[in-house]
Amino acid sequence: MKIIRNTLAIIGFALSCYILLTREYGILPYMLILVGLMVLFTGIIEIRKKRKVSAIMSFISAGFSLFVGIYIF
């Protein structure tokens, strides 16, 4: 799980740097979906560690990010 989360974080960071450098905003939904998935995996990891409050906040923010990413798409 941590490997998937870190991979998604690296890909999201690379996409955000690309967007900042080229000012091409067409890939913004893909970046938001990747960030949403990364936060979703963070919530799953937090549930396994018995941290319920931060897991719930991660799920809420992941849902919002995924919703916005799909809505913009």
PDB file of N, CA and C in Angstrom:
ATOM      1  N   MET A   1       0.813  -1.195   0.000  1.00  0.00           N
ATOM      2  CA  MET A   1       0.000   0.000   0.000  1.00  0.00           C
ATOM      3  C   MET A   1       0.859   1.264   0.000  1.00  0.00           C
ATOM      4  N   LYS A   2       1.921   1.265   0.800  1.00  0.00           N
ATOM      5  CA  LYS A   2       2.769   2.453   0.856  1.00  0.00           C
ATOM      6  C   LYS A   2       3.493   2.668  -0.472  1.00  0.00           C
ATOM      7  N   ILE A   3       3.840   1.578  -1.157  1.00  0.00           N
ATOM      8  CA  ILE A   3       4.516   1.707  -2.448  1.00  0.00           C
ATOM      9  C   ILE A   3       3.571   2.331  -3.468  1.00  0.00           C
ATOM     10  N   ILE A   4       2.316   1.909  -3.471  1.00  0.00           N
ATOM     11  CA  ILE A   4       1.327   2.469  -4.395  1.00  0.00           C
ATOM     12  C   ILE A   4       1.107   3.942  -4.088  1.00  0.00           C
ATOM     13  N   ARG A   5       0.996   4.272  -2.813  1.00  0.00           N
ATOM     14  CA  ARG A   5       0.783   5.671  -2.417  1.00  0.00           C
ATOM     15  C   ARG A   5       1.958   6.534  -2.837  1.00  0.00           C
ATOM     16  N   ASN A   6       3.169   6.063  -2.617  1.00  0.00           N
ATOM     17  CA  ASN A   6       4.344   6.850  -2.980  1.00  0.00           C
ATOM     18  C   ASN A   6       4.477   6.991  -4.495  1.00  0.00           C
ATOM     19  N   THR A   7       4.131   5.940  -5.236  1.00  0.00           N
ATOM     20  CA  THR A   7       4.175   6.011  -6.695  1.00  0.00           C
ATOM     21  C   THR A   7       3.163   7.034  -7.214  1.00  0.00           C
ATOM     22  N   LEU A   8       1.951   7.008  -6.662  1.00  0.00           N
ATOM     23  CA  LEU A   8       0.947   7.990  -7.056  1.00  0.00           C
ATOM     24  C   LEU A   8       1.386   9.404  -6.696  1.00  0.00           C
ATOM     25  N   ALA A   9       2.056   9.562  -5.574  1.00  0.00           N
ATOM     26  CA  ALA A   9       2.534  10.887  -5.164  1.00  0.00           C
ATOM     27  C   ALA A   9       3.600  11.401  -6.128  1.00  0.00           C
ATOM     28  N   ILE A  10       4.497  10.542  -6.546  1.00  0.00           N
ATOM     29  CA  ILE A  10       5.559  10.948  -7.467  1.00  0.00           C
ATOM     30  C   ILE A  10       4.978  11.314  -8.828  1.00  0.00           C
ATOM     31  N   ILE A  11       4.029  10.517  -9.323  1.00  0.00           N
ATOM     32  CA  ILE A  11       3.404  10.812 -10.609  1.00  0.00           C
ATOM     33  C   ILE A  11       2.599  12.109 -10.525  1.00  0.00           C
ATOM     34  N   GLY A  12       1.875  12.312  -9.436  1.00  0.00           N
ATOM     35  CA  GLY A  12       1.120  13.549  -9.245  1.00  0.00           C
ATOM     36  C   GLY A  12       2.026  14.764  -9.165  1.00  0.00           C
ATOM     37  N   PHE A  13       3.146  14.624  -8.493  1.00  0.00           N
ATOM     38  CA  PHE A  13       4.103  15.725  -8.397  1.00  0.00           C
ATOM     39  C   PHE A  13       4.687  16.048  -9.765  1.00  0.00           C
ATOM     40  N   ALA A  14       5.008  15.017 -10.536  1.00  0.00           N
ATOM     41  CA  ALA A  14       5.551  15.236 -11.880  1.00  0.00           C
ATOM     42  C   ALA A  14       4.520  15.930 -12.777  1.00  0.00           C
ATOM     43  N   LEU A  15       3.264  15.511 -12.685  1.00  0.00           N
ATOM     44  CA  LEU A  15       2.221  16.154 -13.487  1.00  0.00           C
ATOM     45  C   LEU A  15       2.012  17.605 -13.073  1.00  0.00           C
ATOM     46  N   SER A  16       2.051  17.881 -11.777  1.00  0.00           N
ATOM     47  CA  SER A  16       1.856  19.260 -11.336  1.00  0.00           C
ATOM     48  C   SER A  16       3.025  20.142 -11.762  1.00  0.00           C
ATOM     49  N   CYS A  17       4.239  19.627 -11.739  1.00  0.00           N
ATOM     50  CA  CYS A  17       5.384  20.395 -12.242  1.00  0.00           C
ATOM     51  C   CYS A  17       5.249  20.650 -13.734  1.00  0.00           C
ATOM     52  N   TYR A  18       4.789  19.654 -14.478  1.00  0.00           N
ATOM     53  CA  TYR A  18       4.580  19.818 -15.918  1.00  0.00           C
ATOM     54  C   TYR A  18       3.526  20.886 -16.201  1.00  0.00           C
ATOM     55  N   ILE A  19       2.445  20.876 -15.423  1.00  0.00           N
ATOM     56  CA  ILE A  19       1.390  21.878 -15.603  1.00  0.00           C
ATOM     57  C   ILE A  19       1.921  23.275 -15.295  1.00  0.00           C
ATOM     58  N   LEU A  20       2.728  23.407 -14.252  1.00  0.00           N
ATOM     59  CA  LEU A  20       3.274  24.715 -13.896  1.00  0.00           C
ATOM     60  C   LEU A  20       4.246  25.237 -14.948  1.00  0.00           C
ATOM     61  N   LEU A  21       5.041  24.349 -15.521  1.00  0.00           N
ATOM     62  CA  LEU A  21       6.043  24.790 -16.489  1.00  0.00           C
ATOM     63  C   LEU A  21       5.449  25.097 -17.859  1.00  0.00           C
ATOM     64  N   THR A  22       4.487  24.294 -18.308  1.00  0.00           N
ATOM     65  CA  THR A  22       3.960  24.462 -19.665  1.00  0.00           C
ATOM     66  C   THR A  22       2.651  25.238 -19.716  1.00  0.00           C
ATOM     67  N   ARG A  23       2.019  25.440 -18.588  1.00  0.00           N
ATOM     68  CA  ARG A  23       0.711  26.100 -18.509  1.00  0.00           C
ATOM     69  C   ARG A  23      -0.337  25.398 -19.369  1.00  0.00           C
ATOM     70  N   GLU A  24      -0.203  24.090 -19.479  1.00  0.00           N
ATOM     71  CA  GLU A  24      -1.190  23.274 -20.197  1.00  0.00           C
ATOM     72  C   GLU A  24      -2.102  22.639 -19.148  1.00  0.00           C
ATOM     73  N   TYR A  25      -3.323  23.155 -19.049  1.00  0.00           N
ATOM     74  CA  TYR A  25      -4.225  22.736 -17.985  1.00  0.00           C
ATOM     75  C   TYR A  25      -5.135  21.586 -18.398  1.00  0.00           C
ATOM     76  N   GLY A  26      -4.899  20.983 -19.533  1.00  0.00           N
ATOM     77  CA  GLY A  26      -5.727  19.879 -19.993  1.00  0.00           C
ATOM     78  C   GLY A  26      -5.536  18.606 -19.190  1.00  0.00           C
ATOM     79  N   ILE A  27      -4.396  18.488 -18.509  1.00  0.00           N
ATOM     80  CA  ILE A  27      -4.144  17.284 -17.719  1.00  0.00           C
ATOM     81  C   ILE A  27      -4.510  17.451 -16.252  1.00  0.00           C
ATOM     82  N   LEU A  28      -5.115  18.562 -15.915  1.00  0.00           N
ATOM     83  CA  LEU A  28      -5.498  18.819 -14.529  1.00  0.00           C
ATOM     84  C   LEU A  28      -6.451  17.758 -13.970  1.00  0.00           C
ATOM     85  N   PRO A  29      -7.453  17.266 -14.721  1.00  0.00           N
ATOM     86  CA  PRO A  29      -8.313  16.221 -14.155  1.00  0.00           C
ATOM     87  C   PRO A  29      -7.558  14.941 -13.814  1.00  0.00           C
ATOM     88  N   TYR A  30      -6.577  14.600 -14.641  1.00  0.00           N
ATOM     89  CA  TYR A  30      -5.790  13.398 -14.351  1.00  0.00           C
ATOM     90  C   TYR A  30      -4.996  13.560 -13.059  1.00  0.00           C
ATOM     91  N   MET A  31      -4.442  14.751 -12.860  1.00  0.00           N
ATOM     92  CA  MET A  31      -3.695  15.005 -11.642  1.00  0.00           C
ATOM     93  C   MET A  31      -4.607  14.946 -10.414  1.00  0.00           C
ATOM     94  N   LEU A  32      -5.797  15.519 -10.523  1.00  0.00           N
ATOM     95  CA  LEU A  32      -6.734  15.483  -9.395  1.00  0.00           C
ATOM     96  C   LEU A  32      -7.171  14.059  -9.068  1.00  0.00           C
ATOM     97  N   ILE A  33      -7.375  13.246 -10.087  1.00  0.00           N
ATOM     98  CA  ILE A  33      -7.751  11.852  -9.854  1.00  0.00           C
ATOM     99  C   ILE A  33      -6.605  11.097  -9.188  1.00  0.00           C
ATOM    100  N   LEU A  34      -5.362  11.350  -9.624  1.00  0.00           N
ATOM    101  CA  LEU A  34      -4.215  10.707  -8.981  1.00  0.00           C
ATOM    102  C   LEU A  34      -4.064  11.129  -7.530  1.00  0.00           C
ATOM    103  N   VAL A  35      -4.268  12.411  -7.260  1.00  0.00           N
ATOM    104  CA  VAL A  35      -4.172  12.893  -5.873  1.00  0.00           C
ATOM    105  C   VAL A  35      -5.297  12.295  -5.031  1.00  0.00           C
ATOM    106  N   GLY A  36      -6.496  12.190  -5.603  1.00  0.00           N
ATOM    107  CA  GLY A  36      -7.601  11.561  -4.877  1.00  0.00           C
ATOM    108  C   GLY A  36      -7.315  10.106  -4.540  1.00  0.00           C
ATOM    109  N   LEU A  37      -6.745   9.380  -5.497  1.00  0.00           N
ATOM    110  CA  LEU A  37      -6.394   7.981  -5.231  1.00  0.00           C
ATOM    111  C   LEU A  37      -5.295   7.870  -4.178  1.00  0.00           C
ATOM    112  N   MET A  38      -4.328   8.796  -4.228  1.00  0.00           N
ATOM    113  CA  MET A  38      -3.261   8.778  -3.234  1.00  0.00           C
ATOM    114  C   MET A  38      -3.820   9.017  -1.829  1.00  0.00           C
ATOM    115  N   VAL A  39      -4.734   9.969  -1.691  1.00  0.00           N
ATOM    116  CA  VAL A  39      -5.325  10.251  -0.382  1.00  0.00           C
ATOM    117  C   VAL A  39      -6.231   9.102   0.058  1.00  0.00           C
ATOM    118  N   LEU A  40      -6.878   8.429  -0.903  1.00  0.00           N
ATOM    119  CA  LEU A  40      -7.688   7.252  -0.572  1.00  0.00           C
ATOM    120  C   LEU A  40      -6.818   6.144   0.009  1.00  0.00           C
ATOM    121  N   PHE A  41      -5.664   5.895  -0.604  1.00  0.00           N
ATOM    122  CA  PHE A  41      -4.752   4.891  -0.057  1.00  0.00           C
ATOM    123  C   PHE A  41      -4.189   5.317   1.292  1.00  0.00           C
ATOM    124  N   THR A  42      -3.990   6.616   1.476  1.00  0.00           N
ATOM    125  CA  THR A  42      -3.559   7.111   2.782  1.00  0.00           C
ATOM    126  C   THR A  42      -4.618   6.834   3.841  1.00  0.00           C
ATOM    127  N   GLY A  43      -5.889   7.005   3.489  1.00  0.00           N
ATOM    128  CA  GLY A  43      -6.975   6.693   4.422  1.00  0.00           C
ATOM    129  C   GLY A  43      -7.016   5.219   4.787  1.00  0.00           C
ATOM    130  N   ILE A  44      -6.779   4.365   3.809  1.00  0.00           N
ATOM    131  CA  ILE A  44      -6.758   2.925   4.086  1.00  0.00           C
ATOM    132  C   ILE A  44      -5.612   2.580   5.023  1.00  0.00           C
ATOM    133  N   ILE A  45      -4.458   3.189   4.801  1.00  0.00           N
ATOM    134  CA  ILE A  45      -3.308   2.946   5.682  1.00  0.00           C
ATOM    135  C   ILE A  45      -3.612   3.450   7.092  1.00  0.00           C
ATOM    136  N   GLU A  46      -4.263   4.596   7.204  1.00  0.00           N
ATOM    137  CA  GLU A  46      -4.595   5.150   8.518  1.00  0.00           C
ATOM    138  C   GLU A  46      -5.612   4.276   9.253  1.00  0.00           C
ATOM    139  N   ILE A  47      -6.537   3.659   8.532  1.00  0.00           N
ATOM    140  CA  ILE A  47      -7.499   2.756   9.192  1.00  0.00           C
ATOM    141  C   ILE A  47      -6.774   1.550   9.763  1.00  0.00           C
ATOM    142  N   ARG A  48      -5.790   1.058   9.031  1.00  0.00           N
ATOM    143  CA  ARG A  48      -5.019  -0.090   9.533  1.00  0.00           C
ATOM    144  C   ARG A  48      -4.214   0.261  10.776  1.00  0.00           C
ATOM    145  N   LYS A  49      -3.834   1.548  10.912  1.00  0.00           N
ATOM    146  CA  LYS A  49      -3.076   1.987  12.079  1.00  0.00           C
ATOM    147  C   LYS A  49      -3.985   2.391  13.238  1.00  0.00           C
ATOM    148  N   LYS A  50      -5.295   2.239  13.066  1.00  0.00           N
ATOM    149  CA  LYS A  50      -6.299   2.560  14.092  1.00  0.00           C
ATOM    150  C   LYS A  50      -6.400   4.052  14.368  1.00  0.00           C
ATOM    151  N   ARG A  51      -6.195   4.874  13.361  1.00  0.00           N
ATOM    152  CA  ARG A  51      -6.363   6.321  13.480  1.00  0.00           C
ATOM    153  C   ARG A  51      -7.630   6.699  12.725  1.00  0.00           C
ATOM    154  N   LYS A  52      -8.732   6.641  13.390  1.00  0.00           N
ATOM    155  CA  LYS A  52     -10.034   6.790  12.745  1.00  0.00           C
ATOM    156  C   LYS A  52     -10.304   8.216  12.255  1.00  0.00           C
ATOM    157  N   VAL A  53      -9.936   9.217  13.037  1.00  0.00           N
ATOM    158  CA  VAL A  53     -10.259  10.597  12.682  1.00  0.00           C
ATOM    159  C   VAL A  53      -9.511  11.010  11.412  1.00  0.00           C
ATOM    160  N   SER A  54      -8.212  10.724  11.352  1.00  0.00           N
ATOM    161  CA  SER A  54      -7.459  11.102  10.154  1.00  0.00           C
ATOM    162  C   SER A  54      -7.860  10.257   8.955  1.00  0.00           C
ATOM    163  N   ALA A  55      -8.295   9.018   9.181  1.00  0.00           N
ATOM    164  CA  ALA A  55      -8.778   8.179   8.083  1.00  0.00           C
ATOM    165  C   ALA A  55     -10.069   8.740   7.501  1.00  0.00           C
ATOM    166  N   ILE A  56     -10.968   9.191   8.360  1.00  0.00           N
ATOM    167  CA  ILE A  56     -12.236   9.768   7.888  1.00  0.00           C
ATOM    168  C   ILE A  56     -11.971  11.053   7.112  1.00  0.00           C
ATOM    169  N   MET A  57     -11.070  11.891   7.609  1.00  0.00           N
ATOM    170  CA  MET A  57     -10.718  13.122   6.889  1.00  0.00           C
ATOM    171  C   MET A  57     -10.063  12.811   5.546  1.00  0.00           C
ATOM    172  N   SER A  58      -9.263  11.762   5.494  1.00  0.00           N
ATOM    173  CA  SER A  58      -8.643  11.355   4.230  1.00  0.00           C
ATOM    174  C   SER A  58      -9.692  10.882   3.243  1.00  0.00           C
ATOM    175  N   PHE A  59     -10.673  10.121   3.720  1.00  0.00           N
ATOM    176  CA  PHE A  59     -11.731   9.644   2.829  1.00  0.00           C
ATOM    177  C   PHE A  59     -12.592  10.796   2.304  1.00  0.00           C
ATOM    178  N   ILE A  60     -12.868  11.769   3.161  1.00  0.00           N
ATOM    179  CA  ILE A  60     -13.668  12.923   2.730  1.00  0.00           C
ATOM    180  C   ILE A  60     -12.913  13.732   1.677  1.00  0.00           C
ATOM    181  N   SER A  61     -11.636  13.998   1.927  1.00  0.00           N
ATOM    182  CA  SER A  61     -10.865  14.776   0.956  1.00  0.00           C
ATOM    183  C   SER A  61     -10.614  13.997  -0.325  1.00  0.00           C
ATOM    184  N   ALA A  62     -10.464  12.671  -0.227  1.00  0.00           N
ATOM    185  CA  ALA A  62     -10.310  11.851  -1.430  1.00  0.00           C
ATOM    186  C   ALA A  62     -11.584  11.865  -2.262  1.00  0.00           C
ATOM    187  N   GLY A  63     -12.715  11.774  -1.590  1.00  0.00           N
ATOM    188  CA  GLY A  63     -13.983  11.821  -2.304  1.00  0.00           C
ATOM    189  C   GLY A  63     -14.186  13.146  -3.006  1.00  0.00           C
ATOM    190  N   PHE A  64     -13.841  14.240  -2.337  1.00  0.00           N
ATOM    191  CA  PHE A  64     -13.981  15.562  -2.946  1.00  0.00           C
ATOM    192  C   PHE A  64     -13.059  15.708  -4.152  1.00  0.00           C
ATOM    193  N   SER A  65     -11.818  15.279  -3.996  1.00  0.00           N
ATOM    194  CA  SER A  65     -10.852  15.397  -5.085  1.00  0.00           C
ATOM    195  C   SER A  65     -11.251  14.532  -6.272  1.00  0.00           C
ATOM    196  N   LEU A  66     -11.718  13.322  -6.014  1.00  0.00           N
ATOM    197  CA  LEU A  66     -12.169  12.458  -7.104  1.00  0.00           C
ATOM    198  C   LEU A  66     -13.411  13.019  -7.790  1.00  0.00           C
ATOM    199  N   PHE A  67     -14.322  13.582  -7.003  1.00  0.00           N
ATOM    200  CA  PHE A  67     -15.523  14.184  -7.570  1.00  0.00           C
ATOM    201  C   PHE A  67     -15.174  15.340  -8.500  1.00  0.00           C
ATOM    202  N   VAL A  68     -14.296  16.230  -8.030  1.00  0.00           N
ATOM    203  CA  VAL A  68     -13.913  17.380  -8.841  1.00  0.00           C
ATOM    204  C   VAL A  68     -13.154  16.939 -10.088  1.00  0.00           C
ATOM    205  N   GLY A  69     -12.258  15.951  -9.932  1.00  0.00           N
ATOM    206  CA  GLY A  69     -11.501  15.459 -11.079  1.00  0.00           C
ATOM    207  C   GLY A  69     -12.400  14.837 -12.139  1.00  0.00           C
ATOM    208  N   ILE A  70     -13.388  14.071 -11.716  1.00  0.00           N
ATOM    209  CA  ILE A  70     -14.309  13.446 -12.671  1.00  0.00           C
ATOM    210  C   ILE A  70     -15.253  14.490 -13.252  1.00  0.00           C
ATOM    211  N   TYR A  71     -15.673  15.471 -12.450  1.00  0.00           N
ATOM    212  CA  TYR A  71     -16.586  16.511 -12.926  1.00  0.00           C
ATOM    213  C   TYR A  71     -15.918  17.384 -13.998  1.00  0.00           C
ATOM    214  N   ILE A  72     -14.632  17.711 -13.802  1.00  0.00           N
ATOM    215  CA  ILE A  72     -13.905  18.518 -14.771  1.00  0.00           C
ATOM    216  C   ILE A  72     -13.661  17.718 -16.043  1.00  0.00           C
ATOM    217  N   PHE A  73     -13.477  16.412 -15.890  1.00  0.00           N
ATOM    218  CA  PHE A  73     -13.192  15.537 -17.022  1.00  0.00           C
ATOM    219  C   PHE A  73     -14.306  15.627 -18.011  1.00  0.00           C
TER     220      PHE A  73
END
